[in-house]
């Protein structure tokens, strides 16, 4: 999933598109290491709900921080709006294990 996120971020960061936005690629590259580590912390008995809540909060903050520029830049929204929506959906699906663990208190 992190490889798919990185691929989408790479396409958004290409300078040929006009309005280059490479931050999703950098966040996705950190997810290449972060997601497997985060998922590994959730595989315990009983599941650590605080680790799930922390992982979900970090992913939510990253998603909101990456989406804020789209509210103010029409050119960015026109060029990369659809790609960012798809990236956001995949990012949210990647957060499901954290949400599940955080909700099991």
C-alpha atoms as a PDB file:
ATOM      1  CA  UNK A   1       0.000   0.000   0.000  1.00  0.00           C
ATOM      2  CA  UNK A   2       2.875   2.364   0.777  1.00  0.00           C
ATOM      3  CA  UNK A   3       4.373   1.656  -2.642  1.00  0.00           C
ATOM      4  CA  UNK A   4       1.077   2.655  -4.273  1.00  0.00           C
ATOM      5  CA  UNK A   5       1.002   5.843  -2.191  1.00  0.00           C
ATOM      6  CA  UNK A   6       4.586   6.636  -3.190  1.00  0.00           C
ATOM      7  CA  UNK A   7       3.772   6.077  -6.864  1.00  0.00           C
ATOM      8  CA  UNK A   8       0.824   8.462  -6.704  1.00  0.00           C
ATOM      9  CA  UNK A   9       2.946  11.013  -4.842  1.00  0.00           C
ATOM     10  CA  UNK A  10       5.690  10.680  -7.450  1.00  0.00           C
ATOM     11  CA  UNK A  11       3.241  11.467 -10.248  1.00  0.00           C
ATOM     12  CA  UNK A  12       1.998  14.507  -8.341  1.00  0.00           C
ATOM     13  CA  UNK A  13       5.572  15.730  -7.868  1.00  0.00           C
ATOM     14  CA  UNK A  14       6.573  15.628 -11.522  1.00  0.00           C
ATOM     15  CA  UNK A  15       7.463  19.108 -12.775  1.00  0.00           C
ATOM     16  CA  UNK A  16       5.914  18.395 -16.197  1.00  0.00           C
ATOM     17  CA  UNK A  17       2.418  18.679 -14.708  1.00  0.00           C
ATOM     18  CA  UNK A  18       2.710  22.431 -14.229  1.00  0.00           C
ATOM     19  CA  UNK A  19       1.801  22.731 -10.564  1.00  0.00           C
ATOM     20  CA  UNK A  20       4.212  20.322  -8.871  1.00  0.00           C
ATOM     21  CA  UNK A  21       3.238  19.106  -5.387  1.00  0.00           C
ATOM     22  CA  UNK A  22       5.779  16.629  -4.028  1.00  0.00           C
ATOM     23  CA  UNK A  23       4.808  16.489  -0.340  1.00  0.00           C
ATOM     24  CA  UNK A  24       2.568  13.408  -0.775  1.00  0.00           C
ATOM     25  CA  UNK A  25       5.569  11.575  -2.205  1.00  0.00           C
ATOM     26  CA  UNK A  26       7.748  12.439   0.811  1.00  0.00           C
ATOM     27  CA  UNK A  27       5.026  11.442   3.275  1.00  0.00           C
ATOM     28  CA  UNK A  28       4.526   8.200   1.342  1.00  0.00           C
ATOM     29  CA  UNK A  29       8.246   7.464   1.425  1.00  0.00           C
ATOM     30  CA  UNK A  30       8.156   7.779   5.205  1.00  0.00           C
ATOM     31  CA  UNK A  31       5.178   5.403   5.173  1.00  0.00           C
ATOM     32  CA  UNK A  32       7.340   2.755   3.468  1.00  0.00           C
ATOM     33  CA  UNK A  33       9.067   2.273   6.823  1.00  0.00           C
ATOM     34  CA  UNK A  34       6.406   3.681   9.115  1.00  0.00           C
ATOM     35  CA  UNK A  35       3.442   1.533   8.122  1.00  0.00           C
ATOM     36  CA  UNK A  36       5.146  -1.868   8.585  1.00  0.00           C
ATOM     37  CA  UNK A  37       6.595  -0.691  11.905  1.00  0.00           C
ATOM     38  CA  UNK A  38       3.222   0.682  12.989  1.00  0.00           C
ATOM     39  CA  UNK A  39       1.391  -2.476  11.955  1.00  0.00           C
ATOM     40  CA  UNK A  40       3.980  -4.578  13.823  1.00  0.00           C
ATOM     41  CA  UNK A  41       3.292  -2.672  17.048  1.00  0.00           C
ATOM     42  CA  UNK A  42      -0.394  -3.560  16.740  1.00  0.00           C
ATOM     43  CA  UNK A  43       0.261  -7.319  16.648  1.00  0.00           C
ATOM     44  CA  UNK A  44       0.273  -7.934  20.366  1.00  0.00           C
ATOM     45  CA  UNK A  45      -2.129  -9.519  22.796  1.00  0.00           C
ATOM     46  CA  UNK A  46      -4.006  -7.526  23.932  1.00  0.00           C
ATOM     47  CA  UNK A  47      -3.767  -4.935  21.143  1.00  0.00           C
ATOM     48  CA  UNK A  48      -2.300  -1.659  22.440  1.00  0.00           C
ATOM     49  CA  UNK A  49      -5.113   0.836  21.903  1.00  0.00           C
ATOM     50  CA  UNK A  50      -2.813   3.777  22.648  1.00  0.00           C
ATOM     51  CA  UNK A  51      -0.475   2.762  19.824  1.00  0.00           C
ATOM     52  CA  UNK A  52      -3.468   2.496  17.497  1.00  0.00           C
ATOM     53  CA  UNK A  53      -4.736   5.897  18.574  1.00  0.00           C
ATOM     54  CA  UNK A  54      -1.284   7.441  18.092  1.00  0.00           C
ATOM     55  CA  UNK A  55      -0.886   5.898  14.622  1.00  0.00           C
ATOM     56  CA  UNK A  56      -4.340   7.071  13.595  1.00  0.00           C
ATOM     57  CA  UNK A  57      -3.708  10.592  14.921  1.00  0.00           C
ATOM     58  CA  UNK A  58      -0.403  10.856  13.052  1.00  0.00           C
ATOM     59  CA  UNK A  59      -2.002   9.697   9.816  1.00  0.00           C
ATOM     60  CA  UNK A  60      -4.927  12.094  10.247  1.00  0.00           C
ATOM     61  CA  UNK A  61      -2.601  15.050  10.885  1.00  0.00           C
ATOM     62  CA  UNK A  62      -0.572  14.166   7.773  1.00  0.00           C
ATOM     63  CA  UNK A  63      -3.720  13.900   5.654  1.00  0.00           C
ATOM     64  CA  UNK A  64      -5.088  17.254   6.804  1.00  0.00           C
ATOM     65  CA  UNK A  65      -1.707  18.963   6.404  1.00  0.00           C
ATOM     66  CA  UNK A  66      -1.414  17.712   2.831  1.00  0.00           C
ATOM     67  CA  UNK A  67      -4.997  18.650   1.943  1.00  0.00           C
ATOM     68  CA  UNK A  68      -4.880  22.253   3.231  1.00  0.00           C
ATOM     69  CA  UNK A  69      -3.015  23.707   0.185  1.00  0.00           C
ATOM     70  CA  UNK A  70      -5.810  22.448  -2.071  1.00  0.00           C
ATOM     71  CA  UNK A  71      -8.275  24.749  -0.316  1.00  0.00           C
ATOM     72  CA  UNK A  72      -6.321  27.868  -1.284  1.00  0.00           C
ATOM     73  CA  UNK A  73      -4.682  27.101  -4.643  1.00  0.00           C
ATOM     74  CA  UNK A  74      -7.027  26.714  -7.618  1.00  0.00           C
ATOM     75  CA  UNK A  75      -4.245  25.662  -9.997  1.00  0.00           C
ATOM     76  CA  UNK A  76      -3.084  22.913  -7.640  1.00  0.00           C
ATOM     77  CA  UNK A  77      -6.645  21.709  -7.202  1.00  0.00           C
ATOM     78  CA  UNK A  78      -7.236  21.695 -10.963  1.00  0.00           C
ATOM     79  CA  UNK A  79      -4.050  19.777 -11.777  1.00  0.00           C
ATOM     80  CA  UNK A  80      -3.809  17.339  -8.857  1.00  0.00           C
ATOM     81  CA  UNK A  81      -7.256  17.337  -7.220  1.00  0.00           C
ATOM     82  CA  UNK A  82      -8.281  13.907  -8.494  1.00  0.00           C
ATOM     83  CA  UNK A  83      -4.926  12.360  -7.690  1.00  0.00           C
ATOM     84  CA  UNK A  84      -5.051  13.778  -4.164  1.00  0.00           C
ATOM     85  CA  UNK A  85      -8.536  12.364  -3.623  1.00  0.00           C
ATOM     86  CA  UNK A  86      -7.319   8.914  -4.684  1.00  0.00           C
ATOM     87  CA  UNK A  87      -4.187   9.286  -2.527  1.00  0.00           C
ATOM     88  CA  UNK A  88      -6.391  10.283   0.435  1.00  0.00           C
ATOM     89  CA  UNK A  89      -8.637   7.245   0.008  1.00  0.00           C
ATOM     90  CA  UNK A  90      -5.653   4.865  -0.091  1.00  0.00           C
ATOM     91  CA  UNK A  91      -4.110   6.670   2.916  1.00  0.00           C
ATOM     92  CA  UNK A  92      -7.381   6.276   4.841  1.00  0.00           C
ATOM     93  CA  UNK A  93      -7.559   2.564   4.013  1.00  0.00           C
ATOM     94  CA  UNK A  94      -3.979   2.227   5.266  1.00  0.00           C
ATOM     95  CA  UNK A  95      -5.139   3.766   8.569  1.00  0.00           C
ATOM     96  CA  UNK A  96      -7.909   1.175   9.134  1.00  0.00           C
ATOM     97  CA  UNK A  97      -5.785  -1.161  11.332  1.00  0.00           C
ATOM     98  CA  UNK A  98      -4.941   1.786  13.588  1.00  0.00           C
ATOM     99  CA  UNK A  99      -8.595   2.848  13.791  1.00  0.00           C
ATOM    100  CA  UNK A 100      -9.668  -0.720  14.591  1.00  0.00           C
ATOM    101  CA  UNK A 101      -7.108  -1.079  17.360  1.00  0.00           C
ATOM    102  CA  UNK A 102      -7.842   2.360  18.814  1.00  0.00           C
ATOM    103  CA  UNK A 103     -11.571   1.583  18.999  1.00  0.00           C
ATOM    104  CA  UNK A 104     -10.989  -1.621  21.023  1.00  0.00           C
ATOM    105  CA  UNK A 105     -10.517  -0.187  24.484  1.00  0.00           C
END
